[in-house]
C-alpha atoms as a PDB file:
ATOM      1  CA  VAL A   1     -24.645  21.001 -25.026  1.00  0.00           C
ATOM      2  CA  TYR A   2     -22.619  24.021 -26.097  1.00  0.00           C
ATOM      3  CA  SER A   3     -25.193  25.334 -28.545  1.00  0.00           C
ATOM      4  CA  TYR A   4     -28.063  24.930 -26.083  1.00  0.00           C
ATOM      5  CA  PHE A   5     -26.558  25.910 -22.696  1.00  0.00           C
ATOM      6  CA  GLY A   6     -23.475  27.914 -23.578  1.00  0.00           C
ATOM      7  CA  THR A   7     -19.788  27.875 -22.787  1.00  0.00           C
ATOM      8  CA  LYS A   8     -19.891  27.530 -18.993  1.00  0.00           C
ATOM      9  CA  ILE A   9     -22.113  24.467 -18.923  1.00  0.00           C
ATOM     10  CA  ALA A  10     -20.320  22.836 -21.864  1.00  0.00           C
ATOM     11  CA  THR A  11     -16.961  23.361 -20.142  1.00  0.00           C
ATOM     12  CA  TYR A  12     -18.343  21.844 -16.948  1.00  0.00           C
ATOM     13  CA  PHE A  13     -19.532  18.710 -18.747  1.00  0.00           C
ATOM     14  CA  ALA A  14     -16.256  18.431 -20.672  1.00  0.00           C
ATOM     15  CA  PHE A  15     -14.340  18.621 -17.392  1.00  0.00           C
ATOM     16  CA  LEU A  16     -16.674  16.096 -15.772  1.00  0.00           C
ATOM     17  CA  GLY A  17     -16.120  13.642 -18.608  1.00  0.00           C
ATOM     18  CA  MET A  18     -12.350  14.052 -18.454  1.00  0.00           C
ATOM     19  CA  TYR A  19     -12.339  13.716 -14.660  1.00  0.00           C
ATOM     20  CA  THR A  20     -14.394  10.519 -14.842  1.00  0.00           C
ATOM     21  CA  ARG A  21     -12.058   9.003 -17.425  1.00  0.00           C
ATOM     22  CA  TRP A  22      -8.994   9.836 -15.327  1.00  0.00           C
ATOM     23  CA  LEU A  23     -10.513   8.366 -12.156  1.00  0.00           C
ATOM     24  CA  PHE A  24     -11.058   5.047 -13.904  1.00  0.00           C
ATOM     25  CA  PHE A  25      -7.373   4.082 -13.524  1.00  0.00           C
ATOM     26  CA  PRO A  26      -7.118   4.673  -9.746  1.00  0.00           C
ATOM     27  CA  ALA A  27     -10.448   2.875  -9.295  1.00  0.00           C
ATOM     28  CA  VAL A  28      -9.209  -0.217 -11.137  1.00  0.00           C
ATOM     29  CA  SER A  29      -5.952  -0.122  -9.194  1.00  0.00           C
ATOM     30  CA  GLY A  30      -7.786   0.147  -5.873  1.00  0.00           C
ATOM     31  CA  LEU A  31     -10.153  -2.672  -6.770  1.00  0.00           C
ATOM     32  CA  ALA A  32      -7.254  -4.919  -7.762  1.00  0.00           C
ATOM     33  CA  THR A  33      -5.471  -4.114  -4.499  1.00  0.00           C
ATOM     34  CA  GLN A  34      -8.580  -4.946  -2.463  1.00  0.00           C
ATOM     35  CA  LEU A  35      -9.077  -8.247  -4.286  1.00  0.00           C
ATOM     36  CA  ILE A  36      -5.439  -9.239  -3.821  1.00  0.00           C
ATOM     37  CA  ASP A  37      -5.604  -8.301  -0.131  1.00  0.00           C
ATOM     38  CA  PHE A  38      -8.795 -10.303   0.364  1.00  0.00           C
ATOM     39  CA  GLY A  39      -7.271 -13.291  -1.412  1.00  0.00           C
ATOM     40  CA  TYR A  40      -4.158 -13.062   0.744  1.00  0.00           C
ATOM     41  CA  ALA A  41      -6.210 -12.798   3.948  1.00  0.00           C
ATOM     42  CA  PHE A  42      -8.467 -15.673   2.896  1.00  0.00           C
ATOM     43  CA  TYR A  43      -5.500 -17.888   2.018  1.00  0.00           C
ATOM     44  CA  HIS A  44      -3.680 -17.221   5.296  1.00  0.00           C
ATOM     45  CA  GLY A  45      -6.800 -17.134   7.457  1.00  0.00           C
ATOM     46  CA  SER A  46      -5.995 -13.711   8.876  1.00  0.00           C
ATOM     47  CA  PHE A  47      -9.467 -12.337   8.148  1.00  0.00           C
ATOM     48  CA  LEU A  48     -10.799 -14.611  10.904  1.00  0.00           C
ATOM     49  CA  LYS A  49      -8.634 -12.877  13.514  1.00  0.00           C
ATOM     50  CA  HIS A  50     -10.156  -9.420  13.042  1.00  0.00           C
ATOM     51  CA  GLY A  51     -13.118 -10.214  15.284  1.00  0.00           C
ATOM     52  CA  THR A  52     -11.055 -11.392  18.258  1.00  0.00           C
ATOM     53  CA  ASN A  53     -10.760  -9.444  21.461  1.00  0.00           C
ATOM     54  CA  ILE A  54      -7.418  -7.625  21.353  1.00  0.00           C
ATOM     55  CA  THR A  55      -7.537  -6.636  25.035  1.00  0.00           C
ATOM     56  CA  ASN A  56      -6.460 -10.156  26.013  1.00  0.00           C
ATOM     57  CA  THR A  57      -3.120  -9.725  24.251  1.00  0.00           C
ATOM     58  CA  VAL A  58      -2.040  -6.768  26.411  1.00  0.00           C
ATOM     59  CA  SER A  59      -0.183  -7.803  29.569  1.00  0.00           C
END
């Protein structure tokens, strides 16, 4: 890339590759958190309560 496009474009692609590698760790962490949360909600049945009408609980 450097020999064909030059320094600016090569630096951009190098940064893009580094940025993608660094975002892999937060993505895996977020996915694990979502899966654990879904498993917890499924086990306790709390995901069924999200569709209820919350206006009935206010007195």
